[in-house]
Amino acid sequence: MTTKNSIVKEFDTVKTFREIKTKISNDIKGMTFEQLQAYLDKTKLQKKNTSNSHN
């Protein structure tokens, strides 16, 4: 007797990561080093402020 578990994915991490990589690759194709630096500065993630200063 065999049992097969079926898992339904709500979010496909690998697919999403590949889509993001493809978008970035297309965005930076043909850029100079200076343009790439500006692109990275513009699109980098911002650190969230996690301090609890609600007094």
N, C-alpha and C. Protein backbone atom coordinates (compact mmCIF):
# COMPACT_ATOMS: atom_id res chain seq x y z
N MET A 1 0.84 -1.18 0.00
CA MET A 1 0.00 0.00 0.00
C MET A 1 0.88 1.24 0.00
N THR A 2 0.62 2.13 -0.91
CA THR A 2 1.40 3.37 -0.98
C THR A 2 0.50 4.55 -0.68
N THR A 3 1.11 5.53 -0.06
CA THR A 3 0.38 6.76 0.26
C THR A 3 1.07 7.92 -0.46
N LYS A 4 0.29 8.75 -1.08
CA LYS A 4 0.84 9.90 -1.79
C LYS A 4 0.23 11.15 -1.19
N ASN A 5 1.10 11.99 -0.65
CA ASN A 5 0.64 13.26 -0.10
C ASN A 5 0.70 14.33 -1.18
N SER A 6 -0.34 15.09 -1.29
CA SER A 6 -0.40 16.16 -2.27
C SER A 6 -0.32 17.50 -1.54
N ILE A 7 0.69 18.28 -1.89
CA ILE A 7 0.87 19.58 -1.27
C ILE A 7 0.55 20.65 -2.31
N VAL A 8 -0.32 21.56 -1.96
CA VAL A 8 -0.68 22.65 -2.85
C VAL A 8 0.16 23.86 -2.45
N LYS A 9 0.98 24.32 -3.40
CA LYS A 9 1.83 25.48 -3.13
C LYS A 9 1.02 26.76 -3.35
N GLU A 10 1.12 27.64 -2.36
CA GLU A 10 0.49 28.94 -2.52
C GLU A 10 1.46 29.93 -3.13
N PHE A 11 2.76 29.68 -2.94
CA PHE A 11 3.78 30.58 -3.44
C PHE A 11 4.95 29.75 -3.95
N ASP A 12 5.33 29.96 -5.19
CA ASP A 12 6.44 29.21 -5.79
C ASP A 12 7.69 30.09 -5.75
N THR A 13 8.54 29.83 -4.77
CA THR A 13 9.73 30.64 -4.54
C THR A 13 10.69 30.59 -5.72
N VAL A 14 10.96 29.41 -6.24
CA VAL A 14 11.91 29.26 -7.34
C VAL A 14 11.43 30.02 -8.57
N LYS A 15 10.16 29.88 -8.91
CA LYS A 15 9.61 30.57 -10.07
C LYS A 15 9.71 32.08 -9.90
N THR A 16 9.36 32.56 -8.71
CA THR A 16 9.41 33.99 -8.44
C THR A 16 10.85 34.51 -8.53
N PHE A 17 11.79 33.78 -7.94
CA PHE A 17 13.19 34.19 -7.98
C PHE A 17 13.70 34.26 -9.42
N ARG A 18 13.35 33.27 -10.22
CA ARG A 18 13.78 33.28 -11.63
C ARG A 18 13.19 34.47 -12.38
N GLU A 19 11.92 34.79 -12.12
CA GLU A 19 11.30 35.94 -12.78
C GLU A 19 12.00 37.24 -12.39
N ILE A 20 12.36 37.37 -11.13
CA ILE A 20 13.05 38.57 -10.66
C ILE A 20 14.42 38.67 -11.32
N LYS A 21 15.16 37.54 -11.37
CA LYS A 21 16.49 37.54 -11.99
C LYS A 21 16.39 37.92 -13.47
N THR A 22 15.39 37.41 -14.17
CA THR A 22 15.21 37.72 -15.59
C THR A 22 14.91 39.20 -15.78
N LYS A 23 14.06 39.76 -14.92
CA LYS A 23 13.73 41.19 -15.02
C LYS A 23 14.97 42.05 -14.81
N ILE A 24 15.74 41.73 -13.78
CA ILE A 24 16.96 42.50 -13.50
C ILE A 24 17.94 42.37 -14.67
N SER A 25 18.10 41.17 -15.18
CA SER A 25 19.00 40.95 -16.30
C SER A 25 18.61 41.79 -17.51
N ASN A 26 17.31 41.84 -17.80
CA ASN A 26 16.83 42.65 -18.92
C ASN A 26 17.00 44.14 -18.64
N ASP A 27 16.80 44.55 -17.39
CA ASP A 27 16.94 45.96 -17.02
C ASP A 27 18.36 46.46 -17.19
N ILE A 28 19.35 45.62 -16.84
CA ILE A 28 20.73 46.09 -16.83
C ILE A 28 21.51 45.74 -18.10
N LYS A 29 20.86 45.07 -19.02
CA LYS A 29 21.54 44.67 -20.26
C LYS A 29 22.06 45.90 -21.00
N GLY A 30 23.36 45.90 -21.28
CA GLY A 30 23.95 46.98 -22.06
C GLY A 30 24.31 48.23 -21.26
N MET A 31 24.12 48.21 -19.95
CA MET A 31 24.44 49.38 -19.13
C MET A 31 25.95 49.51 -18.92
N THR A 32 26.39 50.75 -18.80
CA THR A 32 27.77 50.98 -18.41
C THR A 32 27.89 50.75 -16.91
N PHE A 33 29.12 50.73 -16.41
CA PHE A 33 29.33 50.52 -14.98
C PHE A 33 28.65 51.63 -14.17
N GLU A 34 28.76 52.85 -14.64
CA GLU A 34 28.15 53.98 -13.93
C GLU A 34 26.62 53.86 -13.92
N GLN A 35 26.04 53.45 -15.03
CA GLN A 35 24.60 53.27 -15.10
C GLN A 35 24.16 52.14 -14.18
N LEU A 36 24.96 51.08 -14.12
CA LEU A 36 24.64 49.96 -13.24
C LEU A 36 24.67 50.40 -11.77
N GLN A 37 25.67 51.19 -11.40
CA GLN A 37 25.74 51.71 -10.03
C GLN A 37 24.51 52.53 -9.70
N ALA A 38 24.10 53.40 -10.62
CA ALA A 38 22.91 54.23 -10.40
C ALA A 38 21.66 53.36 -10.28
N TYR A 39 21.55 52.33 -11.11
CA TYR A 39 20.41 51.41 -11.06
C TYR A 39 20.35 50.72 -9.70
N LEU A 40 21.50 50.23 -9.23
CA LEU A 40 21.54 49.53 -7.95
C LEU A 40 21.21 50.48 -6.80
N ASP A 41 21.70 51.70 -6.85
CA ASP A 41 21.37 52.68 -5.80
C ASP A 41 19.88 52.99 -5.79
N LYS A 42 19.28 53.07 -6.96
CA LYS A 42 17.86 53.40 -7.08
C LYS A 42 16.96 52.26 -6.62
N THR A 43 17.38 51.01 -6.86
CA THR A 43 16.50 49.88 -6.62
C THR A 43 16.84 49.08 -5.37
N LYS A 44 17.85 49.48 -4.61
CA LYS A 44 18.21 48.69 -3.43
C LYS A 44 17.13 48.76 -2.36
N LEU A 45 17.06 47.72 -1.58
CA LEU A 45 16.08 47.65 -0.51
C LEU A 45 16.46 48.61 0.60
N GLN A 46 15.46 49.19 1.19
CA GLN A 46 15.68 50.10 2.31
C GLN A 46 15.49 49.34 3.61
N LYS A 47 16.35 49.61 4.57
CA LYS A 47 16.25 48.97 5.87
C LYS A 47 15.01 49.48 6.58
N LYS A 48 14.25 48.56 7.15
CA LYS A 48 13.04 48.94 7.90
C LYS A 48 13.43 49.44 9.27
N ASN A 49 12.71 50.45 9.76
CA ASN A 49 12.94 50.95 11.11
C ASN A 49 12.11 50.10 12.05
N THR A 50 12.79 49.30 12.87
CA THR A 50 12.08 48.38 13.76
C THR A 50 12.08 48.83 15.20
N SER A 51 12.55 50.05 15.46
CA SER A 51 12.57 50.51 16.85
C SER A 51 11.16 50.83 17.33
N ASN A 52 10.91 50.57 18.56
CA ASN A 52 9.61 50.84 19.17
C ASN A 52 9.68 52.11 19.98
N SER A 53 9.46 53.23 19.33
CA SER A 53 9.53 54.51 20.02
C SER A 53 8.16 55.17 20.08
N HIS A 54 7.15 54.37 20.37
CA HIS A 54 5.78 54.88 20.47
C HIS A 54 5.44 55.16 21.93
N ASN A 55 6.05 56.17 22.53
CA ASN A 55 5.77 56.52 23.93
C ASN A 55 4.86 57.68 24.03
